[in-house]
Amino acid sequence: MLSNAQKILIKAKRILAENAGRDGNFYNNKKYVRMAGKTAWEGVMIGLSEGLKIEKESRLKVYQRILTQSPFYLNLFNNAYETL
């Protein structure tokens, strides 16, 4: 069974595949590339929330605390941010 985060990431891939108009290694329509990136980032954030089992209301404080205490998670978070 797919998690909500996985479903959102699949949706982001679908946005690129169906709407962005690929030309070789590049996409032609920046509107849909931007939309897919935002959708993928939403999936990352939801996956982080699900993995850490935190409520929506307290996400920001929990993210700040965990990421500043753990270089491993901070590195993963920064890599996802840079990639998307």
C-alpha atoms as a PDB file:
ATOM      1  CA  MET A   1       0.000   0.000   0.000  1.00  0.00           C
ATOM      2  CA  LEU A   2       1.348   3.397  -0.962  1.00  0.00           C
ATOM      3  CA  SER A   3       1.698   6.167   1.578  1.00  0.00           C
ATOM      4  CA  ASN A   4       0.321   9.632   0.943  1.00  0.00           C
ATOM      5  CA  ALA A   5       3.845  10.884   0.290  1.00  0.00           C
ATOM      6  CA  GLN A   6       4.461   8.231  -2.366  1.00  0.00           C
ATOM      7  CA  LYS A   7       1.173   9.040  -4.072  1.00  0.00           C
ATOM      8  CA  ILE A   8       2.089  12.724  -4.226  1.00  0.00           C
ATOM      9  CA  LEU A   9       5.536  11.944  -5.672  1.00  0.00           C
ATOM     10  CA  ILE A  10       3.905   9.759  -8.332  1.00  0.00           C
ATOM     11  CA  LYS A  11       1.591  12.676  -9.106  1.00  0.00           C
ATOM     12  CA  ALA A  12       4.621  14.964  -9.538  1.00  0.00           C
ATOM     13  CA  LYS A  13       6.186  12.506 -11.991  1.00  0.00           C
ATOM     14  CA  ARG A  14       2.913  12.312 -13.896  1.00  0.00           C
ATOM     15  CA  ILE A  15       2.761  16.119 -14.174  1.00  0.00           C
ATOM     16  CA  LEU A  16       6.192  16.107 -15.801  1.00  0.00           C
ATOM     17  CA  ALA A  17       5.480  13.171 -18.078  1.00  0.00           C
ATOM     18  CA  GLU A  18       2.100  14.371 -19.317  1.00  0.00           C
ATOM     19  CA  ASN A  19       2.437  18.147 -19.395  1.00  0.00           C
ATOM     20  CA  ALA A  20       6.023  19.397 -19.371  1.00  0.00           C
ATOM     21  CA  GLY A  21       6.930  18.417 -22.934  1.00  0.00           C
ATOM     22  CA  ARG A  22      10.304  16.734 -22.802  1.00  0.00           C
ATOM     23  CA  ASP A  23      12.919  17.553 -25.441  1.00  0.00           C
ATOM     24  CA  GLY A  24      15.907  15.267 -24.918  1.00  0.00           C
ATOM     25  CA  ASN A  25      17.146  15.835 -21.377  1.00  0.00           C
ATOM     26  CA  PHE A  26      15.164  19.025 -20.840  1.00  0.00           C
ATOM     27  CA  TYR A  27      11.546  19.994 -20.282  1.00  0.00           C
ATOM     28  CA  ASN A  28       9.945  22.692 -22.413  1.00  0.00           C
ATOM     29  CA  ASN A  29       7.167  24.068 -20.225  1.00  0.00           C
ATOM     30  CA  LYS A  30       8.540  25.744 -17.092  1.00  0.00           C
ATOM     31  CA  LYS A  31       5.040  26.180 -15.643  1.00  0.00           C
ATOM     32  CA  TYR A  32       4.618  22.413 -15.302  1.00  0.00           C
ATOM     33  CA  VAL A  33       8.212  21.855 -14.181  1.00  0.00           C
ATOM     34  CA  ARG A  34       7.613  24.360 -11.374  1.00  0.00           C
ATOM     35  CA  MET A  35       4.282  22.718 -10.532  1.00  0.00           C
ATOM     36  CA  ALA A  36       5.882  19.252 -10.403  1.00  0.00           C
ATOM     37  CA  GLY A  37       8.687  20.555  -8.194  1.00  0.00           C
ATOM     38  CA  LYS A  38       6.233  22.087  -5.726  1.00  0.00           C
ATOM     39  CA  THR A  39       4.173  18.903  -5.721  1.00  0.00           C
ATOM     40  CA  ALA A  40       7.257  16.767  -5.121  1.00  0.00           C
ATOM     41  CA  TRP A  41       8.344  19.045  -2.264  1.00  0.00           C
ATOM     42  CA  GLU A  42       4.900  18.664  -0.704  1.00  0.00           C
ATOM     43  CA  GLY A  43       5.398  14.885  -0.904  1.00  0.00           C
ATOM     44  CA  VAL A  44       8.768  15.164   0.843  1.00  0.00           C
ATOM     45  CA  MET A  45       7.257  17.247   3.635  1.00  0.00           C
ATOM     46  CA  ILE A  46       4.321  14.862   4.087  1.00  0.00           C
ATOM     47  CA  GLY A  47       6.696  11.889   4.101  1.00  0.00           C
ATOM     48  CA  LEU A  48       8.783  13.583   6.760  1.00  0.00           C
ATOM     49  CA  SER A  49       5.667  14.241   8.841  1.00  0.00           C
ATOM     50  CA  GLU A  50       4.461  10.660   8.441  1.00  0.00           C
ATOM     51  CA  GLY A  51       7.887   9.235   9.229  1.00  0.00           C
ATOM     52  CA  LEU A  52       8.306  11.331  12.349  1.00  0.00           C
ATOM     53  CA  LYS A  53       4.651  10.887  13.327  1.00  0.00           C
ATOM     54  CA  ILE A  54       4.013  14.551  14.025  1.00  0.00           C
ATOM     55  CA  GLU A  55       0.850  16.584  13.807  1.00  0.00           C
ATOM     56  CA  LYS A  56       0.378  19.269  11.192  1.00  0.00           C
ATOM     57  CA  GLU A  57       0.124  22.044  13.799  1.00  0.00           C
ATOM     58  CA  SER A  58       3.545  21.335  15.313  1.00  0.00           C
ATOM     59  CA  ARG A  59       5.533  20.530  12.166  1.00  0.00           C
ATOM     60  CA  LEU A  60       7.700  23.651  12.001  1.00  0.00           C
ATOM     61  CA  LYS A  61       8.953  23.428  15.582  1.00  0.00           C
ATOM     62  CA  VAL A  62       9.592  19.706  15.329  1.00  0.00           C
ATOM     63  CA  TYR A  63      11.446  20.071  12.007  1.00  0.00           C
ATOM     64  CA  GLN A  64      13.612  22.829  13.436  1.00  0.00           C
ATOM     65  CA  ARG A  65      14.469  20.813  16.542  1.00  0.00           C
ATOM     66  CA  ILE A  66      15.184  17.528  14.764  1.00  0.00           C
ATOM     67  CA  LEU A  67      17.098  18.955  11.848  1.00  0.00           C
ATOM     68  CA  THR A  68      19.387  21.073  14.008  1.00  0.00           C
ATOM     69  CA  GLN A  69      20.152  18.070  16.258  1.00  0.00           C
ATOM     70  CA  SER A  70      20.797  15.529  13.516  1.00  0.00           C
ATOM     71  CA  PRO A  71      23.335  16.232  10.765  1.00  0.00           C
ATOM     72  CA  PHE A  72      22.126  13.105   8.940  1.00  0.00           C
ATOM     73  CA  TYR A  73      18.532  14.311   8.619  1.00  0.00           C
ATOM     74  CA  LEU A  74      19.643  17.878   7.960  1.00  0.00           C
ATOM     75  CA  ASN A  75      21.756  16.632   5.056  1.00  0.00           C
ATOM     76  CA  LEU A  76      18.867  14.587   3.609  1.00  0.00           C
ATOM     77  CA  PHE A  77      16.506  17.535   3.957  1.00  0.00           C
ATOM     78  CA  ASN A  78      18.952  19.931   2.290  1.00  0.00           C
ATOM     79  CA  ASN A  79      19.600  17.497  -0.564  1.00  0.00           C
ATOM     80  CA  ALA A  80      15.881  17.129  -1.228  1.00  0.00           C
ATOM     81  CA  TYR A  81      15.465  20.900  -1.132  1.00  0.00           C
ATOM     82  CA  GLU A  82      18.338  21.487  -3.562  1.00  0.00           C
ATOM     83  CA  THR A  83      17.132  18.775  -5.914  1.00  0.00           C
ATOM     84  CA  LEU A  84      13.577  20.059  -6.035  1.00  0.00           C
END
